[in-house]
Protein backbone atom coordinates (compact mmCIF):
# COMPACT_ATOMS: atom_id res chain seq x y z
CA MET A 1 -100.87 102.47 192.30
CA ALA A 2 -100.84 104.07 188.86
CA ALA A 3 -98.59 106.77 190.19
CA VAL A 4 -96.40 104.35 191.12
CA ILE A 5 -96.38 102.16 187.67
CA ALA A 6 -95.86 105.64 185.92
CA LEU A 7 -93.15 106.68 188.02
CA ALA A 8 -91.46 103.42 187.57
CA GLN A 9 -91.94 103.04 183.99
CA SER A 10 -90.53 107.10 183.25
CA LEU A 11 -87.26 105.98 184.99
CA PRO A 12 -83.99 105.63 182.89
CA ALA A 13 -83.17 102.03 182.19
CA SER A 14 -80.38 102.22 184.79
CA ALA A 15 -82.65 103.18 187.48
CA ALA A 16 -85.61 100.84 186.35
CA ALA A 17 -83.40 98.00 186.87
CA HIS A 18 -82.72 98.85 190.43
CA GLU A 19 -84.05 95.91 192.81
CA THR A 20 -86.45 98.14 194.97
CA VAL A 21 -87.81 99.75 191.67
CA ARG A 22 -88.54 96.48 190.37
CA LEU A 23 -90.24 95.29 193.41
CA LEU A 24 -92.54 98.12 193.78
CA LEU A 25 -93.44 97.91 190.06
CA GLY A 26 -94.06 94.41 190.24
CA LEU A 27 -96.46 94.78 193.37
CA ALA A 28 -98.10 97.84 191.84
CA LEU A 29 -98.71 95.80 188.60
CA HIS A 30 -100.20 92.82 190.67
CA ALA A 31 -102.34 95.36 192.73
CA SER A 32 -103.74 96.79 189.48
CA GLN A 33 -104.38 93.15 188.52
CA ARG A 34 -101.77 93.57 185.43
CA ASN A 35 -100.24 90.06 186.47
CA ASP A 36 -98.66 89.30 183.17
CA GLU A 37 -96.45 92.17 183.58
CA ALA A 38 -96.04 91.83 187.39
CA ALA A 39 -94.78 88.23 186.81
CA ASP A 40 -92.02 89.55 184.26
CA CYS A 41 -90.99 92.07 187.12
CA PHE A 42 -90.46 89.21 189.59
CA ARG A 43 -89.17 86.80 186.89
CA GLN A 44 -86.28 89.43 186.91
CA LEU A 45 -85.96 89.60 190.37
CA VAL A 46 -85.42 85.96 190.80
CA ARG A 47 -82.84 85.83 188.21
CA GLU A 48 -80.77 88.40 189.78
CA HIS A 49 -81.78 87.45 193.48
CA PRO A 50 -82.43 83.76 193.48
CA ALA A 51 -81.87 83.27 197.30
CA THR A 52 -84.66 85.87 198.04
CA ALA A 53 -87.64 83.66 198.87
CA ASP A 54 -90.20 86.42 198.68
CA TYR A 55 -89.41 87.20 195.19
CA TRP A 56 -90.01 83.48 194.31
CA ASN A 57 -93.49 83.58 196.39
CA ASN A 58 -94.43 86.71 194.64
CA LEU A 59 -93.41 85.46 191.29
CA ALA A 60 -95.76 82.20 191.99
CA ILE A 61 -98.83 84.32 192.97
CA THR A 62 -98.52 86.46 189.97
CA ALA A 63 -97.82 83.52 187.31
CA GLN A 64 -100.54 81.86 189.01
CA LEU A 65 -102.82 84.56 188.14
CA SER A 66 -102.02 84.98 184.68
CA GLY A 67 -102.51 81.50 184.10
CA ALA A 68 -98.90 79.88 184.18
CA LEU A 69 -99.63 77.28 186.84
CA ASP A 70 -96.38 75.04 186.03
CA GLU A 71 -94.25 78.31 186.45
CA ALA A 72 -96.29 78.88 189.73
CA GLY A 73 -95.78 75.45 191.22
CA HIS A 74 -91.82 75.73 190.29
CA ALA A 75 -91.66 79.15 192.21
CA PHE A 76 -93.50 78.17 195.37
CA ARG A 77 -91.32 75.20 195.68
CA GLN A 78 -88.13 77.37 195.43
CA ALA A 79 -89.73 79.96 197.89
CA LEU A 80 -90.39 76.97 200.46
CA SER A 81 -86.93 75.62 200.06
CA LEU A 82 -85.56 78.91 200.81
CA SER A 83 -87.82 79.62 203.84
CA PRO A 84 -89.76 76.21 204.86
CA GLY A 85 -90.60 77.83 207.95
CA ASP A 86 -92.89 80.59 206.33
CA ALA A 87 -96.64 79.47 206.91
CA GLN A 88 -97.81 81.94 204.49
CA PHE A 89 -95.55 80.08 201.53
CA HIS A 90 -97.27 76.84 202.66
CA HIS A 91 -100.65 78.37 202.62
CA ASN A 92 -100.11 79.75 199.11
CA TYR A 93 -98.84 76.73 197.51
CA GLY A 94 -101.87 74.87 198.77
CA LEU A 95 -104.16 77.33 197.38
CA LEU A 96 -102.73 76.39 193.83
CA LEU A 97 -102.51 72.86 194.44
CA ALA A 98 -106.15 73.18 195.20
CA ARG A 99 -107.00 75.07 192.21
CA GLN A 100 -105.17 72.32 190.27
CA GLY A 101 -107.25 69.62 191.73
CA CYS A 102 -104.71 68.23 193.80
CA TRP A 103 -106.41 67.76 196.91
CA ARG A 104 -104.38 65.58 199.09
CA GLU A 105 -101.17 67.45 198.50
CA ALA A 106 -103.16 70.70 199.13
CA ARG A 107 -104.48 69.36 202.50
CA GLN A 108 -100.65 68.54 203.46
CA CYS A 109 -99.71 72.04 202.90
CA GLN A 110 -102.63 73.66 204.61
CA PHE A 111 -101.54 71.10 207.44
CA ASP A 112 -97.84 72.52 207.20
CA ALA A 113 -99.20 76.18 207.39
CA VAL A 114 -101.07 75.42 210.35
CA GLU A 115 -98.47 73.55 212.33
CA ARG A 116 -96.43 76.66 211.92
CA ALA A 117 -99.08 79.05 212.77
CA PRO A 118 -101.76 77.56 214.43
CA GLY A 119 -103.93 80.80 214.58
CA PHE A 120 -103.94 81.14 210.82
CA ILE A 121 -107.37 80.98 210.37
CA ASP A 122 -107.36 81.12 206.25
CA ALA A 123 -105.21 78.25 206.21
CA ARG A 124 -107.48 76.12 208.88
CA LEU A 125 -110.25 77.06 206.57
CA GLN A 126 -108.54 75.77 203.20
CA GLY A 127 -107.32 72.72 205.08
CA ALA A 128 -110.59 71.81 206.25
CA LEU A 129 -112.00 72.27 202.89
CA ALA A 130 -109.13 70.14 201.25
CA CYS A 131 -109.97 67.50 204.28
CA HIS A 132 -113.70 67.47 202.96
CA VAL A 133 -113.03 66.80 199.58
CA CYS A 134 -110.68 63.66 200.57
CA GLY A 135 -113.03 62.29 202.84
CA ASP A 136 -110.50 63.09 205.93
CA LEU A 137 -113.35 63.79 208.61
CA PRO A 138 -110.55 63.71 211.32
CA GLY A 139 -108.62 66.07 209.57
CA GLU A 140 -111.30 68.17 208.89
CA GLU A 141 -112.57 68.21 212.57
CA ALA A 142 -108.93 69.03 213.74
CA MET A 143 -108.79 71.96 210.90
CA LEU A 144 -112.13 73.60 212.23
CA GLN A 145 -111.44 73.64 216.01
CA ASP A 146 -113.06 76.35 217.83
CA VAL A 147 -115.01 77.50 214.52
CA ALA A 148 -117.80 79.00 216.15
CA HIS A 149 -115.11 81.87 217.63
CA TRP A 150 -113.78 82.66 214.39
CA PRO A 151 -114.04 86.27 213.10
CA PRO A 152 -116.36 86.91 210.41
CA GLN A 153 -115.30 85.48 207.16
CA PRO A 154 -115.43 87.00 203.47
CA ALA A 155 -118.78 85.59 201.98
CA GLU A 156 -117.32 83.10 199.72
CA GLN A 157 -115.16 81.52 202.45
CA ALA A 158 -118.24 81.82 204.61
CA LEU A 159 -120.22 79.61 202.01
CA SER A 160 -117.93 76.97 201.67
CA LEU A 161 -117.42 77.03 205.61
CA ALA A 162 -121.13 76.71 205.80
CA THR A 163 -121.39 74.08 203.54
CA MET A 164 -118.82 71.98 205.78
CA LEU A 165 -120.29 72.74 209.03
CA SER A 166 -123.91 71.59 207.52
CA THR A 167 -122.39 68.37 206.43
CA ARG A 168 -121.11 67.84 210.02
CA GLY A 169 -124.59 68.58 211.51
CA GLU A 170 -123.46 71.75 212.94
CA GLN A 171 -126.28 73.77 211.48
CA PRO A 172 -126.27 76.47 214.10
CA ILE A 173 -122.95 77.46 213.62
CA ALA A 174 -123.22 77.27 210.00
CA PHE A 175 -126.29 79.77 210.17
CA GLY A 176 -123.88 81.98 212.39
CA VAL A 177 -121.15 81.80 209.99
CA LEU A 178 -123.64 82.88 207.26
CA ASP A 179 -125.02 85.85 209.23
CA LYS A 180 -121.60 87.32 210.16
CA ALA A 181 -120.35 86.72 206.25
CA VAL A 182 -118.35 90.12 204.99
CA LEU A 183 -119.94 91.17 201.58
CA PRO A 184 -118.18 93.06 199.10
CA ALA A 185 -119.59 96.20 197.79
CA GLY A 186 -121.53 96.64 194.12
CA GLU A 187 -122.87 93.59 191.87
CA GLU A 188 -120.96 90.94 193.51
CA GLY A 189 -121.90 91.74 197.05
CA ARG A 190 -125.63 91.30 195.56
CA PHE A 191 -125.15 88.08 193.97
CA LEU A 192 -123.19 86.75 197.11
CA ALA A 193 -126.13 87.90 199.12
CA TRP A 194 -128.50 85.66 197.06
CA ARG A 195 -126.28 82.74 197.42
CA ILE A 196 -126.06 83.09 201.39
CA THR A 197 -130.15 83.32 200.92
CA ALA A 198 -130.25 80.15 198.86
CA MET A 199 -127.87 78.19 201.13
CA ARG A 200 -129.72 79.05 204.10
CA ALA A 201 -132.97 77.65 202.43
CA SER A 202 -130.64 74.35 201.71
CA LEU A 203 -129.88 74.32 205.27
CA HIS A 204 -133.49 74.62 206.58
CA GLU A 205 -134.47 71.93 204.10
CA ARG A 206 -131.54 69.63 205.26
CA GLY A 207 -132.49 70.10 208.73
CA ASN A 208 -136.10 69.06 207.97
CA GLN A 209 -137.60 72.64 208.28
CA PRO A 210 -139.05 72.72 204.86
CA ASP A 211 -141.51 75.78 205.69
CA GLN A 212 -138.33 77.98 206.67
CA ALA A 213 -136.77 76.75 203.59
CA ARG A 214 -139.67 78.06 201.29
CA ALA A 215 -139.68 81.52 203.16
CA GLU A 216 -135.87 82.03 202.79
CA LEU A 217 -136.37 81.16 198.77
CA ALA A 218 -139.59 83.71 198.82
CA LEU A 219 -136.81 86.30 199.49
CA LEU A 220 -134.89 85.93 196.29
CA PRO A 221 -135.95 87.79 193.37
CA MET A 222 -136.34 84.89 191.03
CA ASP A 223 -137.00 87.17 187.91
CA ALA A 224 -133.90 88.85 188.21
CA ILE A 225 -131.94 85.62 188.93
CA ALA A 226 -133.81 84.09 185.92
CA ALA A 227 -132.52 87.08 183.60
CA LEU A 228 -128.81 87.03 184.58
CA PRO A 229 -126.64 86.89 181.64
CA ALA A 230 -124.43 83.96 180.73
CA GLU A 231 -121.27 85.13 182.58
CA HIS A 232 -123.16 84.74 185.74
CA GLU A 233 -124.69 81.34 185.31
CA ALA A 234 -122.74 79.94 188.41
CA VAL A 235 -124.85 82.17 190.34
CA ARG A 236 -127.91 81.51 188.61
CA CYS A 237 -126.95 77.64 189.08
CA ARG A 238 -126.15 77.73 192.83
CA VAL A 239 -129.82 79.48 193.52
CA TRP A 240 -131.52 77.05 191.11
CA SER A 241 -130.14 73.71 193.06
CA ALA A 242 -131.28 74.96 196.37
CA ARG A 243 -134.66 75.77 194.44
CA ALA A 244 -134.84 72.44 192.94
CA THR A 245 -134.11 70.59 196.76
CA VAL A 246 -137.10 72.30 197.98
CA LEU A 247 -139.28 71.55 195.05
CA ALA A 248 -138.69 67.99 195.37
CA ARG A 249 -139.33 67.96 198.88
CA GLU A 250 -142.60 69.57 198.35
CA GLY A 251 -143.42 66.55 195.69
CA ASP A 252 -143.23 68.86 192.52
CA HIS A 253 -140.62 66.56 190.93
CA GLY A 254 -141.33 67.91 187.62
CA ALA A 255 -140.47 71.33 188.23
CA ALA A 256 -137.29 70.08 190.19
CA ALA A 257 -136.24 68.14 187.23
CA GLU A 258 -136.33 71.21 184.59
CA LEU A 259 -133.85 73.05 187.02
CA TRP A 260 -131.72 69.99 187.66
CA GLN A 261 -131.42 69.64 183.92
CA HIS A 262 -130.93 73.44 183.39
CA ILE A 263 -127.57 73.13 185.74
CA LEU A 264 -126.58 69.99 184.19
CA ASP A 265 -126.72 71.90 180.94
CA HIS A 266 -125.28 74.90 181.94
CA ALA A 267 -123.31 74.95 184.84
CA PRO A 268 -119.55 75.88 184.59
CA LEU A 269 -118.42 74.01 187.56
CA GLY A 270 -118.40 70.37 188.09
CA GLU A 271 -119.15 70.79 191.73
CA LEU A 272 -122.95 71.88 190.51
CA ARG A 273 -123.30 69.52 187.73
CA VAL A 274 -122.59 66.38 190.23
CA PRO A 275 -125.41 66.94 192.61
CA ALA A 276 -127.53 67.98 189.79
CA ALA A 277 -127.20 64.82 187.89
CA PHE A 278 -128.12 62.84 190.90
CA GLY A 279 -130.98 65.28 191.57
CA LEU A 280 -132.34 64.82 188.11
CA ALA A 281 -132.04 60.85 188.37
CA ALA A 282 -134.05 61.35 191.70
CA ALA A 283 -136.67 63.35 190.24
CA ARG A 284 -136.98 61.19 186.91
CA ASP A 285 -137.41 57.98 189.04
CA LYS A 286 -140.40 59.87 191.14
CA LEU A 287 -141.99 60.60 187.99
CA ARG A 288 -141.33 57.13 186.62
CA GLN A 289 -139.12 58.24 183.81
CA HIS A 290 -136.99 55.22 184.27
CA ALA A 291 -135.16 55.38 181.25
CA GLU A 292 -134.24 59.03 181.54
CA ALA A 293 -133.22 58.41 185.29
CA TRP A 294 -130.75 55.80 184.30
CA ALA A 295 -129.22 57.86 182.07
CA ALA A 296 -128.92 60.51 184.23
CA LEU A 297 -127.33 58.01 186.99
CA GLN A 298 -124.73 57.11 184.38
CA GLN A 299 -123.88 60.98 183.81
CA ALA A 300 -123.85 61.37 187.29
CA HIS A 301 -121.09 58.96 188.11
CA ALA A 302 -119.06 59.86 185.11
CA LEU A 303 -119.03 63.26 186.61
CA GLN A 304 -118.39 62.20 190.02
CA CYS A 305 -115.30 59.71 189.13
CA GLU A 306 -113.81 62.47 187.31
CA SER A 307 -114.06 64.99 190.11
CA VAL A 308 -112.21 62.55 192.48
CA ARG A 309 -109.39 61.59 189.81
CA HIS A 310 -106.80 63.66 191.84
CA VAL A 311 -107.90 62.24 195.19
CA VAL A 312 -108.20 58.76 194.93
CA PRO A 313 -106.89 57.68 191.26
CA HIS A 314 -105.73 54.11 192.45
CA LEU A 315 -110.05 53.47 193.66
CA LEU A 316 -111.07 54.17 189.74
CA ASP A 317 -109.79 51.21 188.42
CA GLU A 318 -113.05 48.89 188.45
CA GLN A 319 -111.20 45.98 190.19
CA ALA A 320 -109.86 48.12 193.03
CA GLN A 321 -110.88 47.28 196.60
CA SER A 322 -112.97 50.34 198.22
CA LEU A 323 -113.78 48.69 201.06
CA PRO A 324 -110.08 47.40 202.52
CA MET A 325 -111.74 46.26 205.69
CA VAL A 326 -113.39 43.22 204.37
CA ASP A 327 -109.80 41.65 204.01
CA HIS A 328 -109.40 41.75 207.53
CA ARG A 329 -110.62 38.50 209.00
CA VAL A 330 -110.35 36.49 212.27
CA THR A 331 -110.71 32.74 212.15
CA ARG A 332 -111.90 30.44 214.70
CA ARG A 333 -108.50 29.30 215.48
CA ALA A 334 -107.20 32.79 215.85
CA ARG A 335 -110.41 33.56 218.17
CA ASP A 336 -109.58 30.76 220.44
CA ALA A 337 -105.99 32.26 221.13
CA TRP A 338 -107.86 35.22 222.75
CA SER A 339 -107.16 35.86 226.45
CA ALA A 340 -109.85 36.51 228.81
CA LEU A 341 -110.42 40.13 229.29
CA PRO A 342 -112.76 42.12 232.00
CA ALA A 343 -115.53 43.81 229.83
CA PRO A 344 -118.65 46.02 230.70
CA ARG A 345 -122.11 43.73 231.06
CA GLY A 346 -124.68 44.01 228.41
CA ARG A 347 -126.56 47.08 229.56
CA GLN A 348 -123.61 49.03 229.85
CA SER A 349 -122.50 48.07 226.37
CA PRO A 350 -123.45 50.01 223.40
CA VAL A 351 -126.18 48.67 220.82
CA PHE A 352 -124.71 48.61 217.78
CA VAL A 353 -126.92 49.20 214.60
CA VAL A 354 -125.11 47.58 211.40
CA GLY A 355 -125.81 46.41 207.70
CA PHE A 356 -124.76 47.70 204.61
CA PRO A 357 -126.01 51.33 203.75
CA ARG A 358 -129.18 52.06 202.34
CA SER A 359 -130.72 48.99 204.47
CA GLY A 360 -132.97 50.86 206.86
CA THR A 361 -130.24 51.47 209.68
CA THR A 362 -131.27 55.21 209.84
CA LEU A 363 -135.11 54.22 210.29
CA LEU A 364 -134.32 51.62 213.13
CA GLU A 365 -132.15 54.18 214.86
CA GLN A 366 -134.61 56.71 214.88
CA MET A 367 -136.89 54.22 216.44
CA ILE A 368 -134.56 53.39 219.05
CA ASP A 369 -133.52 56.74 219.55
CA ALA A 370 -137.23 57.75 220.25
CA HIS A 371 -137.42 55.74 223.40
CA PRO A 372 -136.20 58.05 226.55
CA ASP A 373 -133.89 55.17 227.84
CA PHE A 374 -131.71 55.18 224.84
CA ARG A 375 -129.79 57.82 222.64
CA SER A 376 -128.13 57.63 219.30
CA MET A 377 -125.27 59.83 218.39
CA ASP A 378 -126.02 59.75 214.44
CA GLU A 379 -123.57 58.02 212.25
CA ARG A 380 -119.92 58.37 213.75
CA ALA A 381 -116.80 56.22 212.53
CA PHE A 382 -115.61 55.94 216.27
CA VAL A 383 -114.97 52.17 216.07
CA TYR A 384 -112.91 52.73 212.87
CA ASP A 385 -110.89 55.65 215.19
CA LEU A 386 -110.52 53.14 217.78
CA ILE A 387 -108.75 50.62 214.83
CA GLU A 388 -106.59 53.63 213.94
CA ARG A 389 -105.41 54.19 217.27
CA MET A 390 -104.39 50.61 217.88
CA GLU A 391 -102.25 50.71 214.43
CA HIS A 392 -100.65 54.01 215.48
CA ALA A 393 -99.69 52.33 218.86
CA GLY A 394 -97.99 49.53 216.53
CA GLN A 395 -100.33 47.05 216.84
CA ALA A 396 -101.85 45.03 214.07
CA TYR A 397 -105.48 44.92 213.56
CA PRO A 398 -107.25 42.49 213.77
CA GLY A 399 -104.14 40.09 214.95
CA ASP A 400 -103.08 41.72 217.87
CA LEU A 401 -106.71 41.87 219.62
CA ALA A 402 -105.47 38.49 220.64
CA ILE A 403 -102.58 39.92 222.93
CA LEU A 404 -104.50 42.93 224.01
CA GLN A 405 -103.93 43.51 227.45
CA ALA A 406 -106.66 44.50 230.07
CA ASP A 407 -105.34 48.02 230.60
CA GLU A 408 -105.09 48.61 226.44
CA ALA A 409 -108.59 47.56 226.17
CA ARG A 410 -109.80 49.81 229.04
CA MET A 411 -107.95 52.47 227.44
CA LEU A 412 -109.62 51.91 224.11
CA ARG A 413 -113.25 51.90 225.70
CA GLN A 414 -112.05 55.20 227.39
CA ALA A 415 -111.19 56.84 224.30
CA TYR A 416 -114.65 55.39 222.77
CA ASP A 417 -116.17 57.11 225.74
CA GLY A 418 -114.61 60.38 225.19
CA MET A 419 -115.55 60.42 221.45
CA VAL A 420 -119.05 59.65 222.70
CA ALA A 421 -119.19 62.48 225.18
CA GLY A 422 -118.16 65.18 222.73
CA VAL A 423 -121.19 64.27 220.58
CA LEU A 424 -123.75 63.35 223.72
CA PRO A 425 -122.35 65.05 226.85
CA ASP A 426 -125.87 64.44 228.51
CA LEU A 427 -125.96 60.79 227.63
CA GLY A 428 -126.19 60.03 231.51
CA HIS A 429 -127.59 56.66 232.27
CA ALA A 430 -129.28 56.10 228.62
CA ARG A 431 -128.21 53.19 226.62
CA LEU A 432 -125.94 54.25 223.78
CA VAL A 433 -127.22 53.19 220.13
CA ASP A 434 -123.85 53.49 217.79
CA LYS A 435 -125.35 53.30 214.26
CA ASN A 436 -123.13 53.13 211.57
CA PRO A 437 -123.87 50.73 208.79
CA LEU A 438 -120.42 49.57 207.99
CA ASN A 439 -119.33 48.72 211.71
CA MET A 440 -120.52 45.39 210.35
CA LEU A 441 -116.74 45.10 208.94
CA THR A 442 -115.53 45.73 212.45
CA LEU A 443 -117.11 43.22 214.36
CA PRO A 444 -113.74 41.68 216.03
CA MET A 445 -113.02 45.24 217.45
CA MET A 446 -116.53 45.47 218.92
CA ALA A 447 -116.50 41.95 220.08
CA ARG A 448 -113.09 42.39 221.68
CA LEU A 449 -114.32 45.44 223.67
CA TYR A 450 -117.89 44.86 224.18
CA PRO A 451 -118.37 41.09 224.11
CA GLU A 452 -121.90 41.31 225.60
CA ALA A 453 -122.94 44.31 223.36
CA ARG A 454 -125.99 43.62 221.33
CA PHE A 455 -126.27 44.07 217.60
CA ILE A 456 -129.24 44.56 215.28
CA LEU A 457 -128.33 43.62 211.43
CA CYS A 458 -130.63 45.43 209.33
CA LEU A 459 -131.29 43.64 206.12
CA ARG A 460 -133.20 44.58 202.70
CA HIS A 461 -133.48 42.87 199.45
CA PRO A 462 -129.88 43.14 198.21
CA CYS A 463 -131.01 44.78 194.72
CA ASP A 464 -133.12 47.75 196.49
CA VAL A 465 -129.90 48.15 198.59
CA LEU A 466 -127.79 48.56 195.54
CA LEU A 467 -130.26 50.58 193.61
CA SER A 468 -130.45 52.90 196.36
CA CYS A 469 -126.51 53.07 196.86
CA TYR A 470 -126.32 53.65 192.96
CA MET A 471 -128.67 56.80 193.19
CA LEU A 472 -126.79 58.71 195.92
CA PRO A 473 -123.82 60.92 195.63
CA PHE A 474 -121.87 59.82 198.76
CA ARG A 475 -118.99 61.85 200.38
CA SER A 476 -116.54 59.26 200.99
CA PRO A 477 -114.24 58.87 198.16
CA SER A 478 -114.01 55.45 198.66
CA PHE A 479 -117.66 54.54 198.94
CA MET A 480 -118.25 56.94 195.92
CA THR A 481 -116.16 54.82 193.83
CA LEU A 482 -117.51 51.65 195.20
CA CYS A 483 -121.01 52.83 194.03
CA SER A 484 -119.90 54.23 190.55
CA SER A 485 -121.18 50.89 188.72
CA LEU A 486 -123.55 48.06 189.74
CA PRO A 487 -121.15 45.11 189.11
CA ARG A 488 -118.58 46.88 191.50
CA LEU A 489 -121.33 47.49 194.28
CA ALA A 490 -122.57 43.98 193.96
CA ARG A 491 -118.96 42.47 194.72
CA GLY A 492 -118.40 45.06 197.69
CA TYR A 493 -122.03 43.75 199.08
CA VAL A 494 -121.18 40.23 198.38
CA GLN A 495 -117.61 40.49 200.36
CA ALA A 496 -119.30 42.63 203.37
CA PHE A 497 -121.81 39.88 203.84
CA GLU A 498 -119.41 37.15 203.61
CA GLN A 499 -116.97 38.75 206.07
CA TRP A 500 -119.99 39.49 208.78
CA LEU A 501 -121.52 36.02 208.23
CA ALA A 502 -117.78 34.36 208.79
CA HIS A 503 -117.52 36.53 211.82
CA VAL A 504 -120.98 35.68 213.33
CA GLU A 505 -119.74 32.11 213.35
CA VAL A 506 -116.49 32.79 214.97
CA PHE A 507 -117.93 35.31 217.64
CA ALA A 508 -121.36 34.14 218.07
CA PRO A 509 -122.74 37.77 219.07
CA ARG A 510 -126.20 38.41 220.23
CA VAL A 511 -127.86 39.62 216.85
CA LEU A 512 -131.02 40.66 215.93
CA GLU A 513 -132.28 40.57 212.18
CA TRP A 514 -134.22 43.55 211.13
CA ARG A 515 -135.42 42.88 207.94
CA TYR A 516 -137.06 46.15 206.17
CA GLU A 517 -140.01 44.03 204.10
CA SER A 518 -141.06 42.48 207.20
CA VAL A 519 -141.19 45.46 209.20
CA VAL A 520 -143.25 47.39 206.95
CA SER A 521 -145.81 44.94 206.38
CA ARG A 522 -145.87 43.48 210.18
CA PHE A 523 -144.88 46.92 212.17
CA ASP A 524 -146.32 46.09 215.62
CA GLU A 525 -145.06 42.73 215.47
CA HIS A 526 -141.37 43.73 214.89
CA VAL A 527 -141.69 46.59 217.33
CA ALA A 528 -142.47 43.80 219.93
CA ARG A 529 -139.71 41.89 218.96
CA LEU A 530 -137.08 44.91 219.17
CA GLY A 531 -138.51 45.66 222.35
CA HIS A 532 -138.00 42.07 223.67
CA PHE A 533 -134.38 42.14 222.28
CA LEU A 534 -133.39 45.35 223.96
CA GLY A 535 -135.39 44.67 227.20
CA ILE A 536 -137.99 47.66 226.70
CA GLU A 537 -141.13 47.03 228.81
CA ASP A 538 -142.92 49.89 227.20
CA THR A 539 -142.65 49.90 223.46
CA ALA A 540 -145.03 52.69 222.45
CA PRO A 541 -142.19 55.25 222.08
CA LEU A 542 -140.82 53.31 219.24
CA ALA A 543 -143.75 53.64 217.05
CA ASN A 544 -143.48 57.31 217.13
CA PHE A 545 -140.30 57.65 215.55
CA ALA A 546 -141.50 59.69 212.53
CA GLU A 547 -142.64 62.48 215.02
CA HIS A 548 -139.36 62.24 216.98
CA ALA A 549 -137.49 62.48 213.75
CA ARG A 550 -138.97 65.46 212.76
CA ALA A 551 -138.36 67.35 215.91
CA LYS A 552 -134.88 66.41 215.95
CA GLY A 553 -134.09 68.24 212.83
CA TYR A 554 -130.95 67.19 211.36
CA ILE A 555 -130.14 63.80 210.65
CA SER A 556 -126.84 63.25 208.87
CA THR A 557 -127.85 60.24 206.41
CA PRO A 558 -129.48 60.64 202.90
CA SER A 559 -132.51 59.14 204.67
CA TYR A 560 -133.01 62.44 206.43
CA ALA A 561 -136.42 63.16 204.85
CA GLN A 562 -137.71 59.57 204.24
CA VAL A 563 -137.54 58.96 208.22
CA THR A 564 -140.05 61.71 208.88
CA GLN A 565 -142.63 60.39 206.95
CA GLY A 566 -143.33 57.08 208.77
CA ILE A 567 -143.45 53.39 207.61
CA HIS A 568 -144.40 52.99 203.92
CA ARG A 569 -143.92 50.20 201.14
CA ASN A 570 -142.98 52.37 198.50
CA ALA A 571 -139.04 51.43 198.74
CA VAL A 572 -139.91 47.80 198.65
CA GLY A 573 -139.27 46.44 195.08
CA ARG A 574 -138.03 49.65 193.72
CA TRP A 575 -135.23 47.75 191.75
CA GLN A 576 -137.87 45.89 189.49
CA ALA A 577 -138.12 49.16 187.42
CA TYR A 578 -134.62 48.62 186.53
CA ARG A 579 -134.20 45.15 186.35
CA GLU A 580 -132.69 44.98 182.81
CA HIS A 581 -129.56 46.92 184.18
CA PHE A 582 -129.59 44.19 187.28
CA GLU A 583 -129.60 41.43 185.16
CA PRO A 584 -126.00 41.16 184.43
CA VAL A 585 -125.15 41.45 188.17
CA LEU A 586 -127.82 38.91 189.42
CA PRO A 587 -125.19 35.88 189.26
CA ILE A 588 -123.09 38.06 191.35
CA LEU A 589 -125.76 38.28 194.02
CA GLU A 590 -127.59 35.42 193.71
CA PRO A 591 -125.64 33.15 196.19
CA MET A 592 -125.87 35.68 198.74
CA MET A 593 -129.42 36.53 198.28
CA GLU A 594 -130.06 32.76 199.14
CA ARG A 595 -128.27 33.05 202.40
CA LEU A 596 -129.87 36.12 203.28
CA GLY A 597 -133.39 34.75 202.74
CA TYR A 598 -134.24 36.68 199.34
CA GLY A 599 -135.58 35.54 196.15
CA MET A 600 -134.86 36.75 192.30
């Protein structure tokens, strides 16, 4: 490249202005990382040859690398206007948009690239990453189709891919991606190898394998990592993050808090600081340092809201509706207009476990799943997918449930069964447990398709529920913003239960209330009640849920570690340590607390 540059620059002005000379010089300068000069070459080329899409694309790439992001965006749009069918151009523009935090637009660019070139793996990976950030789970799944057979990825992309796969519960594939990652030579390769080892530790911890997590961390040269200069702070913080998670799992909350604080104070990337702030809050809470825990939580939510500003800006308004499904109501009069439809009997219907998030749904799910006659599928949004199918077919939800025909209902149930089979291909004659807390907002759909289904409503003191939600970094942008403040969270909680209680009066479903505080104090009694409700004669397996959860490994919800520890009272009345912060929202909650049987 140096020879090409020297030759081009030695030419007389008339020859140097030749189109091919400028192109070769621009490419050589770009390859030599002299992007300011390369961009100048391509600026001249697009002025002289404005109809050549490749020149605009080259200008966009070099301008982006030299920091001229607005110019790069304009150049990408020019390239796409000239050559809209070029998948590479769509992919390149998507990378720029992602760098600018415009994740929804970036997602669409990668979708456009994949539509034009379905085998374009880089576009599929970046499209999945954009979907991951936006909370678009169906889009992420589509982009990651056949991911187990993708070729080895460069280490940086492999780490991003493993993160997404882990969140989806595909731990074996995530480990495989890391095992095949292609490392660069030299110092950069060494740093990436450390990050891969740290990621493996995190995957083991997340899969309830703490011994394997500790073994991975033992492979890291902690002293060398601690001594890294400031320009490599991101490497250190990524390793410290995995280490802090494992320390917290072992109960060493003081050491974990020190590492989280270091990350929060020094991490150069917001994606590292957000989980550090939530981790620090959890550690301080365990240490009973409640004022410090609350301060960390406030910082965590401020950072998290900033991180989604380009994803869901409309939801950052304190009064915005983060749970739009609560506005969908079916009145008794509308219900009376429903035509009768053939439907499965009770034992051929799923058992739906619902309740506001952090109400004990995961614990109950693992209890039922421990029985050989039942199978759960972790947390899935399949009922919401059915609602989307209705709407895509031009039918309004919930209004058009009234005119649903027998064949349409059958096709919706078949679609649901197909999605379940993708998760539980060996379900057989076992009864399905569909645990998704916010399915409580979709009772009309469940009642229409499975009118004899049994529902278990998980209840827990509303203030304990709100505190637990407030202390967690949820993935979904809508739920993330819902939990960004206690007043907003309290309003959402009340709206969710107002809708549920109204629909219970309309549909009169078979519901068992599963009250967390009563379960932990009278466990055997409630296990018997649960067995009677589900028609289980031998309830002994239900009591062994903690052992069952440990053997299961990966559990998708934030309770993945707690459910392996058995029943305990530690989570009862936890909110009282933060009562001063709850006082302003108690008036919002009080009427619903009374309806649900909870005192102040």
